[in-house]
Amino acid sequence: MATAAQGRWACELPGDATSPPIRQPDNDFSIVPDSSYVVGTVRGTYVLLGTIFTMTSGPFAGRQFEKQGLSLIKLRPDGTREDLRCVRAGAVRDDFSANPTN
């Protein structure tokens, strides 16, 4: 088992040669200590086994991603990749790590 890099993770759909990626802020989350993540003020847990990142509880429970380099690529229930990717976008805000709501 491993842990993901702590901080804010921003999610986006890919752009193309003429347009930038399209932000998907409803999918953003922050990785905080203790194999946990936060969406808004609600905490959940995750597990990272090999390259598979699974949100095991909380607001995104059941979501799976494949770790590819510094990105997480969302997986469908059948294990195939979706277009959504999430990348680390900065440090965790103090209010997330200090006083998250369960």
PDB file of N, CA and C in Angstrom:
ATOM      1  N   MET A   1       0.838  -1.175   0.000  1.00  0.00           N
ATOM      2  CA  MET A   1       0.000   0.000   0.000  1.00  0.00           C
ATOM      3  C   MET A   1       0.883   1.239   0.000  1.00  0.00           C
ATOM      4  N   ALA A   2       0.319   2.282  -0.569  1.00  0.00           N
ATOM      5  CA  ALA A   2       1.032   3.556  -0.652  1.00  0.00           C
ATOM      6  C   ALA A   2       0.048   4.678  -0.350  1.00  0.00           C
ATOM      7  N   THR A   3       0.542   5.902  -0.367  1.00  0.00           N
ATOM      8  CA  THR A   3      -0.335   7.061  -0.199  1.00  0.00           C
ATOM      9  C   THR A   3      -0.134   7.999  -1.377  1.00  0.00           C
ATOM     10  N   ALA A   4      -1.152   8.811  -1.634  1.00  0.00           N
ATOM     11  CA  ALA A   4      -1.080   9.807  -2.704  1.00  0.00           C
ATOM     12  C   ALA A   4      -0.481  11.092  -2.145  1.00  0.00           C
ATOM     13  N   ALA A   5       0.024  11.925  -3.029  1.00  0.00           N
ATOM     14  CA  ALA A   5       0.609  13.202  -2.612  1.00  0.00           C
ATOM     15  C   ALA A   5      -0.450  14.088  -1.976  1.00  0.00           C
ATOM     16  N   GLN A   6      -0.152  14.595  -0.782  1.00  0.00           N
ATOM     17  CA  GLN A   6      -1.100  15.476  -0.103  1.00  0.00           C
ATOM     18  C   GLN A   6      -1.209  16.796  -0.840  1.00  0.00           C
ATOM     19  N   GLY A   7      -2.396  17.359  -0.804  1.00  0.00           N
ATOM     20  CA  GLY A   7      -2.630  18.645  -1.442  1.00  0.00           C
ATOM     21  C   GLY A   7      -3.965  18.656  -2.163  1.00  0.00           C
ATOM     22  N   ARG A   8      -4.243  19.782  -2.805  1.00  0.00           N
ATOM     23  CA  ARG A   8      -5.465  19.928  -3.593  1.00  0.00           C
ATOM     24  C   ARG A   8      -5.275  19.227  -4.941  1.00  0.00           C
ATOM     25  N   TRP A   9      -6.287  18.526  -5.380  1.00  0.00           N
ATOM     26  CA  TRP A   9      -6.280  17.858  -6.670  1.00  0.00           C
ATOM     27  C   TRP A   9      -7.386  18.467  -7.521  1.00  0.00           C
ATOM     28  N   ALA A  10      -7.018  18.978  -8.691  1.00  0.00           N
ATOM     29  CA  ALA A  10      -7.955  19.595  -9.623  1.00  0.00           C
ATOM     30  C   ALA A  10      -8.233  18.617 -10.756  1.00  0.00           C
ATOM     31  N   CYS A  11      -9.499  18.507 -11.119  1.00  0.00           N
ATOM     32  CA  CYS A  11      -9.894  17.551 -12.149  1.00  0.00           C
ATOM     33  C   CYS A  11     -10.320  18.287 -13.418  1.00  0.00           C
ATOM     34  N   GLU A  12     -10.069  17.636 -14.554  1.00  0.00           N
ATOM     35  CA  GLU A  12     -10.348  18.263 -15.842  1.00  0.00           C
ATOM     36  C   GLU A  12     -10.572  17.208 -16.913  1.00  0.00           C
ATOM     37  N   LEU A  13     -11.245  17.640 -17.965  1.00  0.00           N
ATOM     38  CA  LEU A  13     -11.379  16.838 -19.173  1.00  0.00           C
ATOM     39  C   LEU A  13     -10.345  17.355 -20.163  1.00  0.00           C
ATOM     40  N   PRO A  14      -9.811  16.495 -21.023  1.00  0.00           N
ATOM     41  CA  PRO A  14      -8.745  16.940 -21.918  1.00  0.00           C
ATOM     42  C   PRO A  14      -9.238  17.963 -22.936  1.00  0.00           C
ATOM     43  N   GLY A  15      -8.328  18.853 -23.307  1.00  0.00           N
ATOM     44  CA  GLY A  15      -8.576  19.755 -24.415  1.00  0.00           C
ATOM     45  C   GLY A  15      -8.034  19.095 -25.678  1.00  0.00           C
ATOM     46  N   ASP A  16      -7.755  19.914 -26.670  1.00  0.00           N
ATOM     47  CA  ASP A  16      -7.125  19.412 -27.889  1.00  0.00           C
ATOM     48  C   ASP A  16      -6.080  20.418 -28.339  1.00  0.00           C
ATOM     49  N   ALA A  17      -5.629  20.306 -29.558  1.00  0.00           N
ATOM     50  CA  ALA A  17      -4.555  21.181 -30.034  1.00  0.00           C
ATOM     51  C   ALA A  17      -4.957  22.653 -30.046  1.00  0.00           C
ATOM     52  N   THR A  18      -6.262  22.938 -30.048  1.00  0.00           N
ATOM     53  CA  THR A  18      -6.715  24.324 -30.131  1.00  0.00           C
ATOM     54  C   THR A  18      -7.394  24.831 -28.876  1.00  0.00           C
ATOM     55  N   SER A  19      -7.582  23.973 -27.885  1.00  0.00           N
ATOM     56  CA  SER A  19      -8.269  24.417 -26.670  1.00  0.00           C
ATOM     57  C   SER A  19      -7.650  23.781 -25.436  1.00  0.00           C
ATOM     58  N   PRO A  20      -7.675  24.509 -24.313  1.00  0.00           N
ATOM     59  CA  PRO A  20      -7.100  23.976 -23.073  1.00  0.00           C
ATOM     60  C   PRO A  20      -8.037  22.936 -22.441  1.00  0.00           C
ATOM     61  N   PRO A  21      -7.549  22.219 -21.431  1.00  0.00           N
ATOM     62  CA  PRO A  21      -8.422  21.289 -20.701  1.00  0.00           C
ATOM     63  C   PRO A  21      -9.617  22.029 -20.095  1.00  0.00           C
ATOM     64  N   ILE A  22     -10.709  21.309 -19.883  1.00  0.00           N
ATOM     65  CA  ILE A  22     -11.939  21.874 -19.334  1.00  0.00           C
ATOM     66  C   ILE A  22     -12.055  21.460 -17.877  1.00  0.00           C
ATOM     67  N   ARG A  23     -11.946  22.439 -16.978  1.00  0.00           N
ATOM     68  CA  ARG A  23     -12.010  22.165 -15.533  1.00  0.00           C
ATOM     69  C   ARG A  23     -13.344  21.525 -15.162  1.00  0.00           C
ATOM     70  N   GLN A  24     -13.287  20.617 -14.200  1.00  0.00           N
ATOM     71  CA  GLN A  24     -14.448  19.916 -13.663  1.00  0.00           C
ATOM     72  C   GLN A  24     -14.423  20.050 -12.135  1.00  0.00           C
ATOM     73  N   PRO A  25     -14.692  21.255 -11.610  1.00  0.00           N
ATOM     74  CA  PRO A  25     -14.510  21.503 -10.171  1.00  0.00           C
ATOM     75  C   PRO A  25     -15.394  20.645  -9.268  1.00  0.00           C
ATOM     76  N   ASP A  26     -16.499  20.109  -9.766  1.00  0.00           N
ATOM     77  CA  ASP A  26     -17.346  19.238  -8.939  1.00  0.00           C
ATOM     78  C   ASP A  26     -16.649  17.924  -8.592  1.00  0.00           C
ATOM     79  N   ASN A  27     -15.559  17.629  -9.269  1.00  0.00           N
ATOM     80  CA  ASN A  27     -14.802  16.398  -9.017  1.00  0.00           C
ATOM     81  C   ASN A  27     -13.533  16.632  -8.211  1.00  0.00           C
ATOM     82  N   ASP A  28     -13.217  17.898  -7.875  1.00  0.00           N
ATOM     83  CA  ASP A  28     -12.002  18.217  -7.131  1.00  0.00           C
ATOM     84  C   ASP A  28     -12.054  17.659  -5.703  1.00  0.00           C
ATOM     85  N   PHE A  29     -10.879  17.393  -5.155  1.00  0.00           N
ATOM     86  CA  PHE A  29     -10.768  16.907  -3.779  1.00  0.00           C
ATOM     87  C   PHE A  29      -9.388  17.274  -3.262  1.00  0.00           C
ATOM     88  N   SER A  30      -9.169  17.101  -1.984  1.00  0.00           N
ATOM     89  CA  SER A  30      -7.859  17.296  -1.372  1.00  0.00           C
ATOM     90  C   SER A  30      -7.448  16.022  -0.658  1.00  0.00           C
ATOM     91  N   ILE A  31      -6.181  15.658  -0.798  1.00  0.00           N
ATOM     92  CA  ILE A  31      -5.616  14.530  -0.056  1.00  0.00           C
ATOM     93  C   ILE A  31      -5.027  15.094   1.235  1.00  0.00           C
ATOM     94  N   VAL A  32      -5.417  14.511   2.357  1.00  0.00           N
ATOM     95  CA  VAL A  32      -4.960  14.936   3.680  1.00  0.00           C
ATOM     96  C   VAL A  32      -4.344  13.730   4.394  1.00  0.00           C
ATOM     97  N   PRO A  33      -3.740  13.917   5.568  1.00  0.00           N
ATOM     98  CA  PRO A  33      -3.099  12.795   6.261  1.00  0.00           C
ATOM     99  C   PRO A  33      -4.049  11.626   6.561  1.00  0.00           C
ATOM    100  N   ASP A  34      -3.450  10.497   6.871  1.00  0.00           N
ATOM    101  CA  ASP A  34      -4.152   9.286   7.301  1.00  0.00           C
ATOM    102  C   ASP A  34      -4.947   8.635   6.176  1.00  0.00           C
ATOM    103  N   SER A  35      -4.396   8.611   4.966  1.00  0.00           N
ATOM    104  CA  SER A  35      -5.069   7.998   3.810  1.00  0.00           C
ATOM    105  C   SER A  35      -6.495   8.511   3.669  1.00  0.00           C
ATOM    106  N   SER A  36      -6.639   9.825   3.793  1.00  0.00           N
ATOM    107  CA  SER A  36      -7.952  10.461   3.724  1.00  0.00           C
ATOM    108  C   SER A  36      -7.978  11.521   2.632  1.00  0.00           C
ATOM    109  N   TYR A  37      -9.201  11.852   2.215  1.00  0.00           N
ATOM    110  CA  TYR A  37      -9.416  12.936   1.271  1.00  0.00           C
ATOM    111  C   TYR A  37     -10.578  13.772   1.780  1.00  0.00           C
ATOM    112  N   VAL A  38     -10.683  14.996   1.274  1.00  0.00           N
ATOM    113  CA  VAL A  38     -11.737  15.910   1.699  1.00  0.00           C
ATOM    114  C   VAL A  38     -12.381  16.514   0.455  1.00  0.00           C
ATOM    115  N   VAL A  39     -13.718  16.556   0.467  1.00  0.00           N
ATOM    116  CA  VAL A  39     -14.491  17.267  -0.551  1.00  0.00           C
ATOM    117  C   VAL A  39     -15.327  18.286   0.212  1.00  0.00           C
ATOM    118  N   GLY A  40     -15.104  19.569  -0.063  1.00  0.00           N
ATOM    119  CA  GLY A  40     -15.761  20.586   0.751  1.00  0.00           C
ATOM    120  C   GLY A  40     -15.237  20.482   2.166  1.00  0.00           C
ATOM    121  N   THR A  41     -16.106  20.095   3.094  1.00  0.00           N
ATOM    122  CA  THR A  41     -15.679  19.880   4.481  1.00  0.00           C
ATOM    123  C   THR A  41     -15.902  18.440   4.930  1.00  0.00           C
ATOM    124  N   VAL A  42     -16.208  17.549   3.985  1.00  0.00           N
ATOM    125  CA  VAL A  42     -16.514  16.158   4.322  1.00  0.00           C
ATOM    126  C   VAL A  42     -15.315  15.274   3.992  1.00  0.00           C
ATOM    127  N   ARG A  43     -14.909  14.486   4.987  1.00  0.00           N
ATOM    128  CA  ARG A  43     -13.744  13.611   4.856  1.00  0.00           C
ATOM    129  C   ARG A  43     -14.163  12.212   4.426  1.00  0.00           C
ATOM    130  N   GLY A  44     -13.304  11.573   3.657  1.00  0.00           N
ATOM    131  CA  GLY A  44     -13.454  10.173   3.288  1.00  0.00           C
ATOM    132  C   GLY A  44     -12.084   9.516   3.335  1.00  0.00           C
ATOM    133  N   THR A  45     -12.033   8.224   3.092  1.00  0.00           N
ATOM    134  CA  THR A  45     -10.763   7.502   3.081  1.00  0.00           C
ATOM    135  C   THR A  45     -10.515   6.925   1.699  1.00  0.00           C
ATOM    136  N   TYR A  46      -9.246   6.602   1.447  1.00  0.00           N
ATOM    137  CA  TYR A  46      -8.868   5.983   0.177  1.00  0.00           C
ATOM    138  C   TYR A  46      -7.809   4.928   0.436  1.00  0.00           C
ATOM    139  N   VAL A  47      -7.603   4.096  -0.560  1.00  0.00           N
ATOM    140  CA  VAL A  47      -6.504   3.135  -0.539  1.00  0.00           C
ATOM    141  C   VAL A  47      -5.834   3.201  -1.910  1.00  0.00           C
ATOM    142  N   LEU A  48      -4.505   3.143  -1.908  1.00  0.00           N
ATOM    143  CA  LEU A  48      -3.726   3.108  -3.144  1.00  0.00           C
ATOM    144  C   LEU A  48      -2.965   1.794  -3.164  1.00  0.00           C
ATOM    145  N   LEU A  49      -3.414   0.875  -3.988  1.00  0.00           N
ATOM    146  CA  LEU A  49      -2.787  -0.441  -4.126  1.00  0.00           C
ATOM    147  C   LEU A  49      -2.170  -0.512  -5.519  1.00  0.00           C
ATOM    148  N   GLY A  50      -0.844  -0.539  -5.580  1.00  0.00           N
ATOM    149  CA  GLY A  50      -0.173  -0.499  -6.882  1.00  0.00           C
ATOM    150  C   GLY A  50      -0.487   0.820  -7.561  1.00  0.00           C
ATOM    151  N   THR A  51      -1.128   0.756  -8.722  1.00  0.00           N
ATOM    152  CA  THR A  51      -1.510   1.982  -9.435  1.00  0.00           C
ATOM    153  C   THR A  51      -2.996   2.284  -9.313  1.00  0.00           C
ATOM    154  N   ILE A  52      -3.734   1.485  -8.559  1.00  0.00           N
ATOM    155  CA  ILE A  52      -5.192   1.689  -8.440  1.00  0.00           C
ATOM    156  C   ILE A  52      -5.506   2.441  -7.148  1.00  0.00           C
ATOM    157  N   PHE A  53      -6.110   3.617  -7.311  1.00  0.00           N
ATOM    158  CA  PHE A  53      -6.500   4.518  -6.226  1.00  0.00           C
ATOM    159  C   PHE A  53      -8.016   4.402  -6.081  1.00  0.00           C
ATOM    160  N   THR A  54      -8.482   3.947  -4.911  1.00  0.00           N
ATOM    161  CA  THR A  54      -9.914   3.744  -4.676  1.00  0.00           C
ATOM    162  C   THR A  54     -10.365   4.559  -3.479  1.00  0.00           C
ATOM    163  N   MET A  55     -11.412   5.349  -3.671  1.00  0.00           N
ATOM    164  CA  MET A  55     -12.011   6.099  -2.572  1.00  0.00           C
ATOM    165  C   MET A  55     -12.988   5.146  -1.878  1.00  0.00           C
ATOM    166  N   THR A  56     -12.676   4.799  -0.626  1.00  0.00           N
ATOM    167  CA  THR A  56     -13.387   3.719   0.046  1.00  0.00           C
ATOM    168  C   THR A  56     -14.532   4.176   0.934  1.00  0.00           C
ATOM    169  N   SER A  57     -14.556   5.458   1.302  1.00  0.00           N
ATOM    170  CA  SER A  57     -15.671   5.998   2.087  1.00  0.00           C
ATOM    171  C   SER A  57     -15.779   7.484   1.782  1.00  0.00           C
ATOM    172  N   GLY A  58     -16.823   8.104   2.291  1.00  0.00           N
ATOM    173  CA  GLY A  58     -16.986   9.536   2.091  1.00  0.00           C
ATOM    174  C   GLY A  58     -17.769   9.879   0.843  1.00  0.00           C
ATOM    175  N   PRO A  59     -17.731  11.158   0.445  1.00  0.00           N
ATOM    176  CA  PRO A  59     -18.588  11.636  -0.637  1.00  0.00           C
ATOM    177  C   PRO A  59     -18.301  11.002  -1.999  1.00  0.00           C
ATOM    178  N   PHE A  60     -17.093  10.535  -2.242  1.00  0.00           N
ATOM    179  CA  PHE A  60     -16.762   9.908  -3.526  1.00  0.00           C
ATOM    180  C   PHE A  60     -16.531   8.403  -3.382  1.00  0.00           C
ATOM    181  N   ALA A  61     -17.105   7.786  -2.354  1.00  0.00           N
ATOM    182  CA  ALA A  61     -16.926   6.352  -2.110  1.00  0.00           C
ATOM    183  C   ALA A  61     -17.219   5.548  -3.372  1.00  0.00           C
ATOM    184  N   GLY A  62     -16.314   4.633  -3.690  1.00  0.00           N
ATOM    185  CA  GLY A  62     -16.475   3.766  -4.844  1.00  0.00           C
ATOM    186  C   GLY A  62     -15.768   4.256  -6.098  1.00  0.00           C
ATOM    187  N   ARG A  63     -15.368   5.513  -6.140  1.00  0.00           N
ATOM    188  CA  ARG A  63     -14.650   6.005  -7.326  1.00  0.00           C
ATOM    189  C   ARG A  63     -13.262   5.385  -7.372  1.00  0.00           C
ATOM    190  N   GLN A  64     -12.855   5.011  -8.582  1.00  0.00           N
ATOM    191  CA  GLN A  64     -11.525   4.446  -8.771  1.00  0.00           C
ATOM    192  C   GLN A  64     -10.782   5.228  -9.840  1.00  0.00           C
ATOM    193  N   PHE A  65      -9.481   5.311  -9.645  1.00  0.00           N
ATOM    194  CA  PHE A  65      -8.599   5.992 -10.568  1.00  0.00           C
ATOM    195  C   PHE A  65      -7.378   5.119 -10.801  1.00  0.00           C
ATOM    196  N   GLU A  66      -6.723   5.313 -11.934  1.00  0.00           N
ATOM    197  CA  GLU A  66      -5.435   4.686 -12.184  1.00  0.00           C
ATOM    198  C   GLU A  66      -4.377   5.771 -12.092  1.00  0.00           C
ATOM    199  N   LYS A  67      -3.356   5.534 -11.279  1.00  0.00           N
ATOM    200  CA  LYS A  67      -2.263   6.499 -11.140  1.00  0.00           C
ATOM    201  C   LYS A  67      -1.350   6.362 -12.342  1.00  0.00           C
ATOM    202  N   GLN A  68      -1.202   7.464 -13.073  1.00  0.00           N
ATOM    203  CA  GLN A  68      -0.322   7.526 -14.236  1.00  0.00           C
ATOM    204  C   GLN A  68       0.625   8.686 -14.035  1.00  0.00           C
ATOM    205  N   GLY A  69       1.849   8.403 -13.633  1.00  0.00           N
ATOM    206  CA  GLY A  69       2.795   9.471 -13.340  1.00  0.00           C
ATOM    207  C   GLY A  69       2.276  10.320 -12.197  1.00  0.00           C
ATOM    208  N   LEU A  70       2.090  11.611 -12.439  1.00  0.00           N
ATOM    209  CA  LEU A  70       1.594  12.516 -11.408  1.00  0.00           C
ATOM    210  C   LEU A  70       0.090  12.741 -11.510  1.00  0.00           C
ATOM    211  N   SER A  71      -0.594  12.025 -12.386  1.00  0.00           N
ATOM    212  CA  SER A  71      -2.036  12.190 -12.593  1.00  0.00           C
ATOM    213  C   SER A  71      -2.810  10.976 -12.106  1.00  0.00           C
ATOM    214  N   LEU A  72      -4.087  11.200 -11.827  1.00  0.00           N
ATOM    215  CA  LEU A  72      -5.032  10.120 -11.557  1.00  0.00           C
ATOM    216  C   LEU A  72      -6.067  10.148 -12.671  1.00  0.00           C
ATOM    217  N   ILE A  73      -6.237   9.028 -13.370  1.00  0.00           N
ATOM    218  CA  ILE A  73      -7.194   8.907 -14.464  1.00  0.00           C
ATOM    219  C   ILE A  73      -8.389   8.117 -13.945  1.00  0.00           C
ATOM    220  N   LYS A  74      -9.596   8.703 -14.053  1.00  0.00           N
ATOM    221  CA  LYS A  74     -10.799   8.047 -13.514  1.00  0.00           C
ATOM    222  C   LYS A  74     -11.109   6.783 -14.309  1.00  0.00           C
ATOM    223  N   LEU A  75     -11.517   5.745 -13.585  1.00  0.00           N
ATOM    224  CA  LEU A  75     -11.878   4.464 -14.193  1.00  0.00           C
ATOM    225  C   LEU A  75     -13.379   4.242 -14.129  1.00  0.00           C
ATOM    226  N   ARG A  76     -13.904   3.624 -15.168  1.00  0.00           N
ATOM    227  CA  ARG A  76     -15.303   3.178 -15.170  1.00  0.00           C
ATOM    228  C   ARG A  76     -15.395   1.911 -14.312  1.00  0.00           C
ATOM    229  N   PRO A  77     -16.619   1.506 -13.951  1.00  0.00           N
ATOM    230  CA  PRO A  77     -16.772   0.266 -13.165  1.00  0.00           C
ATOM    231  C   PRO A  77     -16.142  -0.961 -13.819  1.00  0.00           C
ATOM    232  N   ASP A  78     -16.063  -0.982 -15.169  1.00  0.00           N
ATOM    233  CA  ASP A  78     -15.453  -2.138 -15.844  1.00  0.00           C
ATOM    234  C   ASP A  78     -13.937  -2.044 -15.919  1.00  0.00           C
ATOM    235  N   GLY A  79     -13.346  -0.971 -15.354  1.00  0.00           N
ATOM    236  CA  GLY A  79     -11.901  -0.828 -15.313  1.00  0.00           C
ATOM    237  C   GLY A  79     -11.298  -0.071 -16.482  1.00  0.00           C
ATOM    238  N   THR A  80     -12.105   0.307 -17.472  1.00  0.00           N
ATOM    239  CA  THR A  80     -11.577   1.095 -18.582  1.00  0.00           C
ATOM    240  C   THR A  80     -11.473   2.563 -18.165  1.00  0.00           C
ATOM    241  N   ARG A  81     -10.585   3.271 -18.811  1.00  0.00           N
ATOM    242  CA  ARG A  81     -10.345   4.670 -18.459  1.00  0.00           C
ATOM    243  C   ARG A  81     -11.421   5.600 -19.005  1.00  0.00           C
ATOM    244  N   GLU A  82     -11.764   6.595 -18.170  1.00  0.00           N
ATOM    245  CA  GLU A  82     -12.602   7.698 -18.615  1.00  0.00           C
ATOM    246  C   GLU A  82     -11.674   8.821 -19.065  1.00  0.00           C
ATOM    247  N   ASP A  83     -12.238   9.920 -19.572  1.00  0.00           N
ATOM    248  CA  ASP A  83     -11.424  11.060 -19.976  1.00  0.00           C
ATOM    249  C   ASP A  83     -11.004  11.928 -18.795  1.00  0.00           C
ATOM    250  N   LEU A  84     -11.736  11.870 -17.675  1.00  0.00           N
ATOM    251  CA  LEU A  84     -11.450  12.730 -16.531  1.00  0.00           C
ATOM    252  C   LEU A  84     -10.096  12.387 -15.919  1.00  0.00           C
ATOM    253  N   ARG A  85      -9.276  13.430 -15.697  1.00  0.00           N
ATOM    254  CA  ARG A  85      -8.018  13.234 -14.995  1.00  0.00           C
ATOM    255  C   ARG A  85      -7.914  14.281 -13.902  1.00  0.00           C
ATOM    256  N   CYS A  86      -7.214  13.922 -12.834  1.00  0.00           N
ATOM    257  CA  CYS A  86      -7.007  14.829 -11.711  1.00  0.00           C
ATOM    258  C   CYS A  86      -5.507  14.968 -11.483  1.00  0.00           C
ATOM    259  N   VAL A  87      -5.077  16.203 -11.254  1.00  0.00           N
ATOM    260  CA  VAL A  87      -3.671  16.492 -11.034  1.00  0.00           C
ATOM    261  C   VAL A  87      -3.513  17.311  -9.765  1.00  0.00           C
ATOM    262  N   ARG A  88      -2.393  17.146  -9.087  1.00  0.00           N
ATOM    263  CA  ARG A  88      -2.148  17.907  -7.857  1.00  0.00           C
ATOM    264  C   ARG A  88      -1.989  19.374  -8.220  1.00  0.00           C
ATOM    265  N   ALA A  89      -2.753  20.233  -7.526  1.00  0.00           N
ATOM    266  CA  ALA A  89      -2.814  21.649  -7.887  1.00  0.00           C
ATOM    267  C   ALA A  89      -2.279  22.572  -6.808  1.00  0.00           C
ATOM    268  N   GLY A  90      -1.819  22.051  -5.684  1.00  0.00           N
ATOM    269  CA  GLY A  90      -1.282  22.913  -4.642  1.00  0.00           C
ATOM    270  C   GLY A  90      -1.430  22.304  -3.271  1.00  0.00           C
ATOM    271  N   ALA A  91      -1.026  23.081  -2.283  1.00  0.00           N
ATOM    272  CA  ALA A  91      -1.065  22.627  -0.896  1.00  0.00           C
ATOM    273  C   ALA A  91      -2.495  22.560  -0.376  1.00  0.00           C
ATOM    274  N   VAL A  92      -2.690  21.757   0.642  1.00  0.00           N
ATOM    275  CA  VAL A  92      -3.983  21.674   1.316  1.00  0.00           C
ATOM    276  C   VAL A  92      -4.186  22.945   2.119  1.00  0.00           C
ATOM    277  N   ARG A  93      -5.380  23.505   2.048  1.00  0.00           N
ATOM    278  CA  ARG A  93      -5.683  24.667   2.886  1.00  0.00           C
ATOM    279  C   ARG A  93      -5.713  24.219   4.332  1.00  0.00           C
ATOM    280  N   ASP A  94      -5.300  25.099   5.245  1.00  0.00           N
ATOM    281  CA  ASP A  94      -5.219  24.756   6.658  1.00  0.00           C
ATOM    282  C   ASP A  94      -6.533  24.265   7.229  1.00  0.00           C
ATOM    283  N   ASP A  95      -7.675  24.825   6.802  1.00  0.00           N
ATOM    284  CA  ASP A  95      -8.948  24.407   7.382  1.00  0.00           C
ATOM    285  C   ASP A  95      -9.296  22.969   7.011  1.00  0.00           C
ATOM    286  N   PHE A  96      -8.791  22.438   5.885  1.00  0.00           N
ATOM    287  CA  PHE A  96      -9.044  21.056   5.526  1.00  0.00           C
ATOM    288  C   PHE A  96      -8.297  20.118   6.466  1.00  0.00           C
ATOM    289  N   SER A  97      -7.022  20.385   6.653  1.00  0.00           N
ATOM    290  CA  SER A  97      -6.204  19.437   7.400  1.00  0.00           C
ATOM    291  C   SER A  97      -6.399  19.569   8.918  1.00  0.00           C
ATOM    292  N   ALA A  98      -6.756  20.742   9.391  1.00  0.00           N
ATOM    293  CA  ALA A  98      -6.848  20.928  10.829  1.00  0.00           C
ATOM    294  C   ALA A  98      -8.185  20.497  11.411  1.00  0.00           C
ATOM    295  N   ASN A  99      -9.277  20.790  10.727  1.00  0.00           N
ATOM    296  CA  ASN A  99     -10.599  20.530  11.293  1.00  0.00           C
ATOM    297  C   ASN A  99     -11.586  19.972  10.291  1.00  0.00           C
ATOM    298  N   PRO A 100     -11.291  18.863   9.618  1.00  0.00           N
ATOM    299  CA  PRO A 100     -12.261  18.327   8.678  1.00  0.00           C
ATOM    300  C   PRO A 100     -13.472  17.747   9.397  1.00  0.00           C
ATOM    301  N   THR A 101     -14.604  17.839   8.752  1.00  0.00           N
ATOM    302  CA  THR A 101     -15.834  17.274   9.303  1.00  0.00           C
ATOM    303  C   THR A 101     -15.955  15.835   8.821  1.00  0.00           C
ATOM    304  N   ASN A 102     -16.300  14.932   9.687  1.00  0.00           N
ATOM    305  CA  ASN A 102     -16.469  13.522   9.308  1.00  0.00           C
ATOM    306  C   ASN A 102     -17.817  13.288   8.717  1.00  0.00           C
TER     307      ASN A 102
END
